[in-house]
Amino acid sequence: MKAVRLLILLAVLVGGLVIGSLNSQPVDISLAFWALRTTSGIAIIVSLLLGALVGGGLVLAGMVIPLYARLRRANKAAAGAVTAPAPQTPSPFDGR
């Protein structure tokens, strides 16, 4: 499993290097009171990273945290309820 993770990491690193090297045109990014001068490759990689982080945060806030809360409530309810053992019914098999 560690080898697969290493291969994925290397593939992403090579992909980032390729994007950065093929897109070397200068780009001016103008924000409200601030201007940033960079290359288009770096701008692409940073925007992809920011998009992944924002998307992951939205999934975390919208899905994961509420599901953990429901799981906690269900575990508390299950721990609070004492279940009696089910009565044993006689087996129809009489041993012959």
PDB file of N, CA and C in Angstrom:
ATOM      1  N   MET A   1       0.819  -1.187   0.000  1.00  0.00           N
ATOM      2  CA  MET A   1       0.000   0.000   0.000  1.00  0.00           C
ATOM      3  C   MET A   1       0.865   1.254   0.000  1.00  0.00           C
ATOM      4  N   LYS A   2       2.002   1.186   0.704  1.00  0.00           N
ATOM      5  CA  LYS A   2       2.889   2.347   0.732  1.00  0.00           C
ATOM      6  C   LYS A   2       3.482   2.622  -0.649  1.00  0.00           C
ATOM      7  N   ALA A   3       3.739   1.574  -1.405  1.00  0.00           N
ATOM      8  CA  ALA A   3       4.295   1.755  -2.742  1.00  0.00           C
ATOM      9  C   ALA A   3       3.278   2.427  -3.666  1.00  0.00           C
ATOM     10  N   VAL A   4       2.004   2.076  -3.515  1.00  0.00           N
ATOM     11  CA  VAL A   4       0.962   2.688  -4.342  1.00  0.00           C
ATOM     12  C   VAL A   4       0.843   4.170  -4.009  1.00  0.00           C
ATOM     13  N   ARG A   5       0.881   4.497  -2.724  1.00  0.00           N
ATOM     14  CA  ARG A   5       0.829   5.911  -2.320  1.00  0.00           C
ATOM     15  C   ARG A   5       2.023   6.680  -2.872  1.00  0.00           C
ATOM     16  N   LEU A   6       3.196   6.069  -2.831  1.00  0.00           N
ATOM     17  CA  LEU A   6       4.390   6.725  -3.353  1.00  0.00           C
ATOM     18  C   LEU A   6       4.273   6.950  -4.855  1.00  0.00           C
ATOM     19  N   LEU A   7       3.739   5.980  -5.584  1.00  0.00           N
ATOM     20  CA  LEU A   7       3.560   6.141  -7.028  1.00  0.00           C
ATOM     21  C   LEU A   7       2.554   7.242  -7.350  1.00  0.00           C
ATOM     22  N   ILE A   8       1.474   7.313  -6.582  1.00  0.00           N
ATOM     23  CA  ILE A   8       0.487   8.378  -6.793  1.00  0.00           C
ATOM     24  C   ILE A   8       1.109   9.732  -6.495  1.00  0.00           C
ATOM     25  N   LEU A   9       1.867   9.825  -5.410  1.00  0.00           N
ATOM     26  CA  LEU A   9       2.546  11.075  -5.064  1.00  0.00           C
ATOM     27  C   LEU A   9       3.507  11.511  -6.163  1.00  0.00           C
ATOM     28  N   LEU A  10       4.269  10.575  -6.690  1.00  0.00           N
ATOM     29  CA  LEU A  10       5.207  10.907  -7.763  1.00  0.00           C
ATOM     30  C   LEU A  10       4.472  11.317  -9.038  1.00  0.00           C
ATOM     31  N   ALA A  11       3.361  10.665  -9.346  1.00  0.00           N
ATOM     32  CA  ALA A  11       2.586  11.025 -10.536  1.00  0.00           C
ATOM     33  C   ALA A  11       2.023  12.434 -10.410  1.00  0.00           C
ATOM     34  N   VAL A  12       1.521  12.778  -9.227  1.00  0.00           N
ATOM     35  CA  VAL A  12       0.999  14.131  -9.018  1.00  0.00           C
ATOM     36  C   VAL A  12       2.124  15.157  -9.091  1.00  0.00           C
ATOM     37  N   LEU A  13       3.272  14.832  -8.530  1.00  0.00           N
ATOM     38  CA  LEU A  13       4.419  15.740  -8.576  1.00  0.00           C
ATOM     39  C   LEU A  13       4.889  15.964 -10.014  1.00  0.00           C
ATOM     40  N   VAL A  14       4.973  14.902 -10.786  1.00  0.00           N
ATOM     41  CA  VAL A  14       5.384  15.031 -12.192  1.00  0.00           C
ATOM     42  C   VAL A  14       4.339  15.825 -12.969  1.00  0.00           C
ATOM     43  N   GLY A  15       3.055  15.577 -12.697  1.00  0.00           N
ATOM     44  CA  GLY A  15       1.999  16.342 -13.363  1.00  0.00           C
ATOM     45  C   GLY A  15       2.097  17.822 -13.050  1.00  0.00           C
ATOM     46  N   GLY A  16       2.372  18.166 -11.802  1.00  0.00           N
ATOM     47  CA  GLY A  16       2.547  19.564 -11.430  1.00  0.00           C
ATOM     48  C   GLY A  16       3.752  20.198 -12.096  1.00  0.00           C
ATOM     49  N   LEU A  17       4.834  19.447 -12.186  1.00  0.00           N
ATOM     50  CA  LEU A  17       6.034  19.967 -12.863  1.00  0.00           C
ATOM     51  C   LEU A  17       5.779  20.186 -14.350  1.00  0.00           C
ATOM     52  N   VAL A  18       5.048  19.264 -14.969  1.00  0.00           N
ATOM     53  CA  VAL A  18       4.729  19.407 -16.396  1.00  0.00           C
ATOM     54  C   VAL A  18       3.839  20.620 -16.616  1.00  0.00           C
ATOM     55  N   ILE A  19       2.806  20.774 -15.792  1.00  0.00           N
ATOM     56  CA  ILE A  19       1.924  21.937 -15.925  1.00  0.00           C
ATOM     57  C   ILE A  19       2.704  23.227 -15.713  1.00  0.00           C
ATOM     58  N   GLY A  20       3.560  23.237 -14.712  1.00  0.00           N
ATOM     59  CA  GLY A  20       4.344  24.443 -14.437  1.00  0.00           C
ATOM     60  C   GLY A  20       5.322  24.787 -15.541  1.00  0.00           C
ATOM     61  N   SER A  21       5.935  23.781 -16.140  1.00  0.00           N
ATOM     62  CA  SER A  21       6.933  24.063 -17.173  1.00  0.00           C
ATOM     63  C   SER A  21       6.299  24.411 -18.521  1.00  0.00           C
ATOM     64  N   LEU A  22       5.150  23.824 -18.838  1.00  0.00           N
ATOM     65  CA  LEU A  22       4.518  24.112 -20.121  1.00  0.00           C
ATOM     66  C   LEU A  22       3.756  25.438 -20.121  1.00  0.00           C
ATOM     67  N   ASN A  23       3.430  25.956 -18.950  1.00  0.00           N
ATOM     68  CA  ASN A  23       2.680  27.203 -18.836  1.00  0.00           C
ATOM     69  C   ASN A  23       3.538  28.242 -18.115  1.00  0.00           C
ATOM     70  N   SER A  24       4.493  28.795 -18.823  1.00  0.00           N
ATOM     71  CA  SER A  24       5.426  29.723 -18.186  1.00  0.00           C
ATOM     72  C   SER A  24       5.174  31.180 -18.576  1.00  0.00           C
ATOM     73  N   GLN A  25       4.031  31.472 -19.152  1.00  0.00           N
ATOM     74  CA  GLN A  25       3.718  32.852 -19.522  1.00  0.00           C
ATOM     75  C   GLN A  25       3.402  33.647 -18.257  1.00  0.00           C
ATOM     76  N   PRO A  26       3.875  34.891 -18.190  1.00  0.00           N
ATOM     77  CA  PRO A  26       3.564  35.705 -17.007  1.00  0.00           C
ATOM     78  C   PRO A  26       2.090  36.114 -16.989  1.00  0.00           C
ATOM     79  N   VAL A  27       1.530  36.127 -15.784  1.00  0.00           N
ATOM     80  CA  VAL A  27       0.121  36.447 -15.591  1.00  0.00           C
ATOM     81  C   VAL A  27       0.025  37.452 -14.446  1.00  0.00           C
ATOM     82  N   ASP A  28      -0.817  38.475 -14.609  1.00  0.00           N
ATOM     83  CA  ASP A  28      -1.105  39.415 -13.533  1.00  0.00           C
ATOM     84  C   ASP A  28      -2.487  39.091 -12.995  1.00  0.00           C
ATOM     85  N   ILE A  29      -2.545  38.759 -11.715  1.00  0.00           N
ATOM     86  CA  ILE A  29      -3.818  38.492 -11.059  1.00  0.00           C
ATOM     87  C   ILE A  29      -4.129  39.702 -10.195  1.00  0.00           C
ATOM     88  N   SER A  30      -5.197  40.394 -10.525  1.00  0.00           N
ATOM     89  CA  SER A  30      -5.546  41.614  -9.823  1.00  0.00           C
ATOM     90  C   SER A  30      -6.675  41.333  -8.847  1.00  0.00           C
ATOM     91  N   LEU A  31      -6.371  41.467  -7.572  1.00  0.00           N
ATOM     92  CA  LEU A  31      -7.375  41.371  -6.530  1.00  0.00           C
ATOM     93  C   LEU A  31      -7.757  42.799  -6.137  1.00  0.00           C
ATOM     94  N   ALA A  32      -8.696  42.986  -5.257  1.00  0.00           N
ATOM     95  CA  ALA A  32      -9.262  44.313  -4.985  1.00  0.00           C
ATOM     96  C   ALA A  32      -8.177  45.372  -4.736  1.00  0.00           C
ATOM     97  N   PHE A  33      -7.341  45.169  -3.763  1.00  0.00           N
ATOM     98  CA  PHE A  33      -6.312  46.160  -3.439  1.00  0.00           C
ATOM     99  C   PHE A  33      -4.914  45.599  -3.569  1.00  0.00           C
ATOM    100  N   TRP A  34      -4.798  44.504  -4.267  1.00  0.00           N
ATOM    101  CA  TRP A  34      -3.521  43.821  -4.328  1.00  0.00           C
ATOM    102  C   TRP A  34      -3.385  43.153  -5.688  1.00  0.00           C
ATOM    103  N   ALA A  35      -2.206  43.221  -6.273  1.00  0.00           N
ATOM    104  CA  ALA A  35      -1.951  42.587  -7.566  1.00  0.00           C
ATOM    105  C   ALA A  35      -0.844  41.548  -7.382  1.00  0.00           C
ATOM    106  N   LEU A  36      -1.002  40.424  -8.020  1.00  0.00           N
ATOM    107  CA  LEU A  36      -0.043  39.334  -7.917  1.00  0.00           C
ATOM    108  C   LEU A  36       0.480  39.013  -9.304  1.00  0.00           C
ATOM    109  N   ARG A  37       1.784  38.993  -9.451  1.00  0.00           N
ATOM    110  CA  ARG A  37       2.406  38.662 -10.726  1.00  0.00           C
ATOM    111  C   ARG A  37       3.049  37.288 -10.595  1.00  0.00           C
ATOM    112  N   THR A  38       2.602  36.361 -11.434  1.00  0.00           N
ATOM    113  CA  THR A  38       3.096  34.987 -11.381  1.00  0.00           C
ATOM    114  C   THR A  38       3.038  34.390 -12.786  1.00  0.00           C
ATOM    115  N   THR A  39       3.386  33.124 -12.890  1.00  0.00           N
ATOM    116  CA  THR A  39       3.269  32.447 -14.185  1.00  0.00           C
ATOM    117  C   THR A  39       1.927  31.726 -14.233  1.00  0.00           C
ATOM    118  N   SER A  40       1.486  31.396 -15.421  1.00  0.00           N
ATOM    119  CA  SER A  40       0.178  30.750 -15.552  1.00  0.00           C
ATOM    120  C   SER A  40       0.193  29.333 -14.976  1.00  0.00           C
ATOM    121  N   GLY A  41       1.314  28.643 -15.022  1.00  0.00           N
ATOM    122  CA  GLY A  41       1.409  27.295 -14.450  1.00  0.00           C
ATOM    123  C   GLY A  41       1.193  27.300 -12.949  1.00  0.00           C
ATOM    124  N   ILE A  42       1.835  28.243 -12.269  1.00  0.00           N
ATOM    125  CA  ILE A  42       1.658  28.350 -10.823  1.00  0.00           C
ATOM    126  C   ILE A  42       0.229  28.760 -10.499  1.00  0.00           C
ATOM    127  N   ALA A  43      -0.341  29.652 -11.284  1.00  0.00           N
ATOM    128  CA  ALA A  43      -1.719  30.079 -11.055  1.00  0.00           C
ATOM    129  C   ALA A  43      -2.686  28.912 -11.221  1.00  0.00           C
ATOM    130  N   ILE A  44      -2.447  28.056 -12.211  1.00  0.00           N
ATOM    131  CA  ILE A  44      -3.304  26.885 -12.425  1.00  0.00           C
ATOM    132  C   ILE A  44      -3.196  25.919 -11.254  1.00  0.00           C
ATOM    133  N   ILE A  45      -1.978  25.619 -10.818  1.00  0.00           N
ATOM    134  CA  ILE A  45      -1.777  24.666  -9.731  1.00  0.00           C
ATOM    135  C   ILE A  45      -2.375  25.198  -8.428  1.00  0.00           C
ATOM    136  N   VAL A  46      -2.159  26.476  -8.136  1.00  0.00           N
ATOM    137  CA  VAL A  46      -2.699  27.057  -6.906  1.00  0.00           C
ATOM    138  C   VAL A  46      -4.222  27.081  -6.943  1.00  0.00           C
ATOM    139  N   SER A  47      -4.803  27.403  -8.093  1.00  0.00           N
ATOM    140  CA  SER A  47      -6.272  27.421  -8.170  1.00  0.00           C
ATOM    141  C   SER A  47      -6.846  26.014  -8.030  1.00  0.00           C
ATOM    142  N   LEU A  48      -6.185  24.992  -8.584  1.00  0.00           N
ATOM    143  CA  LEU A  48      -6.640  23.613  -8.388  1.00  0.00           C
ATOM    144  C   LEU A  48      -6.553  23.200  -6.925  1.00  0.00           C
ATOM    145  N   LEU A  49      -5.462  23.580  -6.257  1.00  0.00           N
ATOM    146  CA  LEU A  49      -5.290  23.255  -4.847  1.00  0.00           C
ATOM    147  C   LEU A  49      -6.344  23.953  -3.990  1.00  0.00           C
ATOM    148  N   LEU A  50      -6.573  25.235  -4.243  1.00  0.00           N
ATOM    149  CA  LEU A  50      -7.590  25.964  -3.493  1.00  0.00           C
ATOM    150  C   LEU A  50      -8.981  25.387  -3.741  1.00  0.00           C
ATOM    151  N   GLY A  51      -9.284  25.006  -4.961  1.00  0.00           N
ATOM    152  CA  GLY A  51     -10.571  24.390  -5.264  1.00  0.00           C
ATOM    153  C   GLY A  51     -10.761  23.073  -4.533  1.00  0.00           C
ATOM    154  N   ALA A  52      -9.698  22.267  -4.468  1.00  0.00           N
ATOM    155  CA  ALA A  52      -9.789  20.998  -3.747  1.00  0.00           C
ATOM    156  C   ALA A  52      -9.985  21.239  -2.250  1.00  0.00           C
ATOM    157  N   LEU A  53      -9.285  22.217  -1.692  1.00  0.00           N
ATOM    158  CA  LEU A  53      -9.430  22.518  -0.270  1.00  0.00           C
ATOM    159  C   LEU A  53     -10.816  23.058   0.055  1.00  0.00           C
ATOM    160  N   VAL A  54     -11.332  23.963  -0.771  1.00  0.00           N
ATOM    161  CA  VAL A  54     -12.668  24.511  -0.530  1.00  0.00           C
ATOM    162  C   VAL A  54     -13.723  23.416  -0.694  1.00  0.00           C
ATOM    163  N   GLY A  55     -13.604  22.584  -1.719  1.00  0.00           N
ATOM    164  CA  GLY A  55     -14.541  21.482  -1.914  1.00  0.00           C
ATOM    165  C   GLY A  55     -14.503  20.484  -0.765  1.00  0.00           C
ATOM    166  N   GLY A  56     -13.315  20.148  -0.302  1.00  0.00           N
ATOM    167  CA  GLY A  56     -13.190  19.251   0.846  1.00  0.00           C
ATOM    168  C   GLY A  56     -13.781  19.853   2.101  1.00  0.00           C
ATOM    169  N   GLY A  57     -13.589  21.147   2.300  1.00  0.00           N
ATOM    170  CA  GLY A  57     -14.181  21.815   3.459  1.00  0.00           C
ATOM    171  C   GLY A  57     -15.689  21.832   3.407  1.00  0.00           C
ATOM    172  N   LEU A  58     -16.248  22.046   2.211  1.00  0.00           N
ATOM    173  CA  LEU A  58     -17.700  22.025   2.073  1.00  0.00           C
ATOM    174  C   LEU A  58     -18.275  20.634   2.328  1.00  0.00           C
ATOM    175  N   VAL A  59     -17.603  19.607   1.844  1.00  0.00           N
ATOM    176  CA  VAL A  59     -18.049  18.237   2.104  1.00  0.00           C
ATOM    177  C   VAL A  59     -17.941  17.926   3.596  1.00  0.00           C
ATOM    178  N   LEU A  60     -16.864  18.368   4.221  1.00  0.00           N
ATOM    179  CA  LEU A  60     -16.685  18.146   5.650  1.00  0.00           C
ATOM    180  C   LEU A  60     -17.784  18.832   6.451  1.00  0.00           C
ATOM    181  N   ALA A  61     -18.064  20.083   6.124  1.00  0.00           N
ATOM    182  CA  ALA A  61     -19.073  20.831   6.873  1.00  0.00           C
ATOM    183  C   ALA A  61     -20.485  20.367   6.547  1.00  0.00           C
ATOM    184  N   GLY A  62     -20.742  19.958   5.334  1.00  0.00           N
ATOM    185  CA  GLY A  62     -22.095  19.615   4.932  1.00  0.00           C
ATOM    186  C   GLY A  62     -22.472  18.167   5.135  1.00  0.00           C
ATOM    187  N   MET A  63     -21.505  17.265   5.138  1.00  0.00           N
ATOM    188  CA  MET A  63     -21.833  15.840   5.208  1.00  0.00           C
ATOM    189  C   MET A  63     -21.180  15.141   6.399  1.00  0.00           C
ATOM    190  N   VAL A  64     -19.891  15.299   6.556  1.00  0.00           N
ATOM    191  CA  VAL A  64     -19.157  14.484   7.523  1.00  0.00           C
ATOM    192  C   VAL A  64     -19.506  14.869   8.958  1.00  0.00           C
ATOM    193  N   ILE A  65     -19.485  16.147   9.283  1.00  0.00           N
ATOM    194  CA  ILE A  65     -19.761  16.582  10.654  1.00  0.00           C
ATOM    195  C   ILE A  65     -21.188  16.224  11.080  1.00  0.00           C
ATOM    196  N   PRO A  66     -22.223  16.469  10.246  1.00  0.00           N
ATOM    197  CA  PRO A  66     -23.568  16.027  10.660  1.00  0.00           C
ATOM    198  C   PRO A  66     -23.694  14.507  10.808  1.00  0.00           C
ATOM    199  N   LEU A  67     -23.013  13.743   9.960  1.00  0.00           N
ATOM    200  CA  LEU A  67     -23.079  12.287  10.098  1.00  0.00           C
ATOM    201  C   LEU A  67     -22.390  11.810  11.369  1.00  0.00           C
ATOM    202  N   TYR A  68     -21.273  12.448  11.754  1.00  0.00           N
ATOM    203  CA  TYR A  68     -20.630  12.112  13.019  1.00  0.00           C
ATOM    204  C   TYR A  68     -21.533  12.444  14.192  1.00  0.00           C
ATOM    205  N   ALA A  69     -22.261  13.552  14.105  1.00  0.00           N
ATOM    206  CA  ALA A  69     -23.185  13.919  15.183  1.00  0.00           C
ATOM    207  C   ALA A  69     -24.296  12.881  15.301  1.00  0.00           C
ATOM    208  N   ARG A  70     -24.859  12.436  14.173  1.00  0.00           N
ATOM    209  CA  ARG A  70     -25.898  11.403  14.204  1.00  0.00           C
ATOM    210  C   ARG A  70     -25.351  10.097  14.765  1.00  0.00           C
ATOM    211  N   LEU A  71     -24.118   9.753  14.398  1.00  0.00           N
ATOM    212  CA  LEU A  71     -23.512   8.521  14.896  1.00  0.00           C
ATOM    213  C   LEU A  71     -23.299   8.596  16.402  1.00  0.00           C
ATOM    214  N   ARG A  72     -22.854   9.754  16.907  1.00  0.00           N
ATOM    215  CA  ARG A  72     -22.672   9.930  18.342  1.00  0.00           C
ATOM    216  C   ARG A  72     -23.993   9.778  19.086  1.00  0.00           C
ATOM    217  N   ARG A  73     -25.057  10.422  18.558  1.00  0.00           N
ATOM    218  CA  ARG A  73     -26.370  10.307  19.195  1.00  0.00           C
ATOM    219  C   ARG A  73     -26.857   8.859  19.181  1.00  0.00           C
ATOM    220  N   ALA A  74     -26.647   8.154  18.072  1.00  0.00           N
ATOM    221  CA  ALA A  74     -27.078   6.754  17.984  1.00  0.00           C
ATOM    222  C   ALA A  74     -26.295   5.878  18.954  1.00  0.00           C
ATOM    223  N   ASN A  75     -25.000   6.123  19.098  1.00  0.00           N
ATOM    224  CA  ASN A  75     -24.197   5.342  20.036  1.00  0.00           C
ATOM    225  C   ASN A  75     -24.618   5.608  21.471  1.00  0.00           C
ATOM    226  N   LYS A  76     -24.943   6.871  21.808  1.00  0.00           N
ATOM    227  CA  LYS A  76     -25.414   7.193  23.157  1.00  0.00           C
ATOM    228  C   LYS A  76     -26.745   6.524  23.428  1.00  0.00           C
ATOM    229  N   ALA A  77     -27.635   6.530  22.441  1.00  0.00           N
ATOM    230  CA  ALA A  77     -28.939   5.887  22.618  1.00  0.00           C
ATOM    231  C   ALA A  77     -28.785   4.374  22.769  1.00  0.00           C
ATOM    232  N   ALA A  78     -27.875   3.788  22.024  1.00  0.00           N
ATOM    233  CA  ALA A  78     -27.666   2.342  22.105  1.00  0.00           C
ATOM    234  C   ALA A  78     -27.018   1.962  23.428  1.00  0.00           C
ATOM    235  N   ALA A  79     -26.128   2.802  23.938  1.00  0.00           N
ATOM    236  CA  ALA A  79     -25.472   2.505  25.211  1.00  0.00           C
ATOM    237  C   ALA A  79     -26.432   2.715  26.370  1.00  0.00           C
ATOM    238  N   GLY A  80     -27.363   3.639  26.239  1.00  0.00           N
ATOM    239  CA  GLY A  80     -28.314   3.914  27.305  1.00  0.00           C
ATOM    240  C   GLY A  80     -29.398   2.873  27.409  1.00  0.00           C
ATOM    241  N   ALA A  81     -29.764   2.278  26.319  1.00  0.00           N
ATOM    242  CA  ALA A  81     -30.830   1.278  26.322  1.00  0.00           C
ATOM    243  C   ALA A  81     -30.237  -0.077  26.669  1.00  0.00           C
ATOM    244  N   VAL A  82     -30.711  -0.637  27.773  1.00  0.00           N
ATOM    245  CA  VAL A  82     -30.234  -1.963  28.173  1.00  0.00           C
ATOM    246  C   VAL A  82     -31.152  -2.977  27.505  1.00  0.00           C
ATOM    247  N   THR A  83     -30.560  -3.839  26.750  1.00  0.00           N
ATOM    248  CA  THR A  83     -31.359  -4.834  26.042  1.00  0.00           C
ATOM    249  C   THR A  83     -31.371  -6.134  26.827  1.00  0.00           C
ATOM    250  N   ALA A  84     -32.550  -6.709  26.990  1.00  0.00           N
ATOM    251  CA  ALA A  84     -32.686  -8.003  27.657  1.00  0.00           C
ATOM    252  C   ALA A  84     -32.356  -9.097  26.655  1.00  0.00           C
ATOM    253  N   PRO A  85     -31.766 -10.170  27.121  1.00  0.00           N
ATOM    254  CA  PRO A  85     -31.462 -11.246  26.173  1.00  0.00           C
ATOM    255  C   PRO A  85     -32.752 -11.856  25.639  1.00  0.00           C
ATOM    256  N   ALA A  86     -32.715 -12.239  24.413  1.00  0.00           N
ATOM    257  CA  ALA A  86     -33.890 -12.814  23.755  1.00  0.00           C
ATOM    258  C   ALA A  86     -34.193 -14.172  24.383  1.00  0.00           C
ATOM    259  N   PRO A  87     -35.470 -14.471  24.627  1.00  0.00           N
ATOM    260  CA  PRO A  87     -35.810 -15.786  25.205  1.00  0.00           C
ATOM    261  C   PRO A  87     -35.479 -16.893  24.224  1.00  0.00           C
ATOM    262  N   GLN A  88     -34.969 -17.974  24.772  1.00  0.00           N
ATOM    263  CA  GLN A  88     -34.578 -19.081  23.912  1.00  0.00           C
ATOM    264  C   GLN A  88     -35.775 -19.945  23.594  1.00  0.00           C
ATOM    265  N   THR A  89     -35.973 -20.187  22.356  1.00  0.00           N
ATOM    266  CA  THR A  89     -37.063 -21.053  21.948  1.00  0.00           C
ATOM    267  C   THR A  89     -36.550 -22.468  21.787  1.00  0.00           C
ATOM    268  N   PRO A  90     -37.370 -23.426  22.120  1.00  0.00           N
ATOM    269  CA  PRO A  90     -36.904 -24.821  21.975  1.00  0.00           C
ATOM    270  C   PRO A  90     -36.703 -25.152  20.488  1.00  0.00           C
ATOM    271  N   SER A  91     -35.702 -25.925  20.255  1.00  0.00           N
ATOM    272  CA  SER A  91     -35.389 -26.323  18.894  1.00  0.00           C
ATOM    273  C   SER A  91     -36.361 -27.394  18.417  1.00  0.00           C
ATOM    274  N   PRO A  92     -36.826 -27.315  17.175  1.00  0.00           N
ATOM    275  CA  PRO A  92     -37.723 -28.383  16.679  1.00  0.00           C
ATOM    276  C   PRO A  92     -36.980 -29.682  16.454  1.00  0.00           C
ATOM    277  N   PHE A  93     -35.681 -29.649  16.447  1.00  0.00           N
ATOM    278  CA  PHE A  93     -34.889 -30.855  16.244  1.00  0.00           C
ATOM    279  C   PHE A  93     -34.771 -31.593  17.566  1.00  0.00           C
ATOM    280  N   ASP A  94     -35.207 -32.831  17.640  1.00  0.00           N
ATOM    281  CA  ASP A  94     -35.238 -33.538  18.921  1.00  0.00           C
ATOM    282  C   ASP A  94     -34.027 -34.453  19.120  1.00  0.00           C
ATOM    283  N   GLY A  95     -33.094 -34.433  18.218  1.00  0.00           N
ATOM    284  CA  GLY A  95     -31.859 -35.177  18.405  1.00  0.00           C
ATOM    285  C   GLY A  95     -31.832 -36.553  17.776  1.00  0.00           C
ATOM    286  N   ARG A  96     -32.834 -36.938  17.066  1.00  0.00           N
ATOM    287  CA  ARG A  96     -32.834 -38.284  16.447  1.00  0.00           C
ATOM    288  C   ARG A  96     -32.164 -38.264  15.132  1.00  0.00           C
TER     289      ARG A  96
END
